């Protein structure tokens, strides 16, 4: 087994780059709305996130409900994304 595995990942152009993510984390923004998260991850609307939440236990991203509004904690989003990284395999 190799000690280190190097993987190149292609990112869609409409996602945030590393500097924008760092700036987002450094700012006082701690919660994102569904629409804000949809823009960040490159969805056309927040309908996909809403559909995930409507099915019990099928939402990839942790969220909290305050009244009728849905918010996504930024720190948990980053942890979730890192936890769900899929390694590329050569065929």
Protein backbone atom coordinates (compact mmCIF):
# COMPACT_ATOMS: atom_id res chain seq x y z
CA UNK A 1 0.00 0.00 0.00
CA UNK A 2 1.19 3.46 -0.81
CA UNK A 3 1.90 5.79 2.11
CA UNK A 4 0.48 8.82 0.35
CA UNK A 5 -2.20 8.97 -2.28
CA UNK A 6 -2.34 11.99 -4.55
CA UNK A 7 -5.67 12.77 -6.15
CA UNK A 8 -6.58 15.57 -8.50
CA UNK A 9 -10.14 16.75 -8.25
CA UNK A 10 -11.93 18.75 -10.90
CA UNK A 11 -14.17 21.43 -9.47
CA UNK A 12 -16.96 23.04 -11.41
CA UNK A 13 -16.23 26.65 -12.27
CA UNK A 14 -19.28 28.04 -10.52
CA UNK A 15 -18.18 26.83 -7.07
CA UNK A 16 -16.22 28.97 -4.65
CA UNK A 17 -12.47 28.92 -4.87
CA UNK A 18 -10.23 28.40 -1.82
CA UNK A 19 -9.87 32.12 -1.10
CA UNK A 20 -13.63 32.66 -1.17
CA UNK A 21 -14.20 29.73 1.20
CA UNK A 22 -11.56 31.07 3.58
CA UNK A 23 -13.13 34.51 3.43
CA UNK A 24 -16.54 33.01 4.14
CA UNK A 25 -15.20 31.15 7.16
CA UNK A 26 -13.29 34.19 8.45
CA UNK A 27 -16.33 36.46 8.26
CA UNK A 28 -19.00 36.43 10.89
CA UNK A 29 -21.28 34.34 8.67
CA UNK A 30 -22.05 31.22 10.68
CA UNK A 31 -25.36 30.16 9.10
CA UNK A 32 -26.42 29.89 5.47
CA UNK A 33 -29.93 29.83 4.09
CA UNK A 34 -30.98 27.16 1.60
CA UNK A 35 -30.67 29.64 -1.25
CA UNK A 36 -27.16 30.67 -0.20
CA UNK A 37 -26.03 27.05 0.08
CA UNK A 38 -27.56 26.23 -3.30
CA UNK A 39 -25.53 29.04 -4.90
CA UNK A 40 -22.32 27.91 -3.21
CA UNK A 41 -22.61 24.27 -4.28
CA UNK A 42 -23.77 25.17 -7.78
CA UNK A 43 -27.45 24.24 -7.77
CA UNK A 44 -29.92 26.18 -9.92
CA UNK A 45 -32.31 26.52 -6.98
CA UNK A 46 -32.74 25.29 -3.45
CA UNK A 47 -35.40 22.77 -4.53
CA UNK A 48 -32.95 19.84 -4.36
CA UNK A 49 -32.05 20.73 -0.78
CA UNK A 50 -35.73 21.05 0.09
CA UNK A 51 -36.43 17.63 -1.44
CA UNK A 52 -33.60 16.05 0.57
CA UNK A 53 -34.97 17.53 3.78
CA UNK A 54 -38.51 16.30 3.05
CA UNK A 55 -37.42 12.66 3.10
CA UNK A 56 -36.57 11.48 6.58
CA UNK A 57 -32.83 11.10 7.21
CA UNK A 58 -31.82 11.59 3.58
CA UNK A 59 -30.35 15.11 3.80
CA UNK A 60 -26.62 15.11 3.15
CA UNK A 61 -26.12 18.43 4.92
CA UNK A 62 -26.97 19.00 8.59
CA UNK A 63 -29.48 21.80 9.08
CA UNK A 64 -31.42 23.50 11.82
CA UNK A 65 -34.97 24.79 11.74
CA UNK A 66 -35.74 28.09 13.44
CA UNK A 67 -39.44 28.70 13.19
CA UNK A 68 -40.25 28.03 9.54
CA UNK A 69 -36.78 28.95 8.27
CA UNK A 70 -33.98 26.50 7.51
CA UNK A 71 -30.33 27.30 8.18
CA UNK A 72 -27.14 25.36 7.48
CA UNK A 73 -24.24 25.85 9.95
CA UNK A 74 -21.09 26.60 7.94
CA UNK A 75 -18.73 24.67 10.22
CA UNK A 76 -20.84 21.50 9.95
CA UNK A 77 -21.11 21.90 6.18
CA UNK A 78 -17.34 21.93 5.81
CA UNK A 79 -16.99 18.87 8.06
CA UNK A 80 -19.69 17.05 6.08
CA UNK A 81 -18.03 17.82 2.77
CA UNK A 82 -14.66 16.57 4.02
CA UNK A 83 -16.25 13.45 5.47
CA UNK A 84 -17.95 12.58 2.18
CA UNK A 85 -14.96 12.93 -0.15
CA UNK A 86 -14.73 9.95 -2.46
CA UNK A 87 -11.28 8.78 -3.48
CA UNK A 88 -10.69 8.25 -7.17
CA UNK A 89 -9.77 4.73 -8.19
CA UNK A 90 -7.78 3.75 -11.23
CA UNK A 91 -9.25 1.03 -13.38
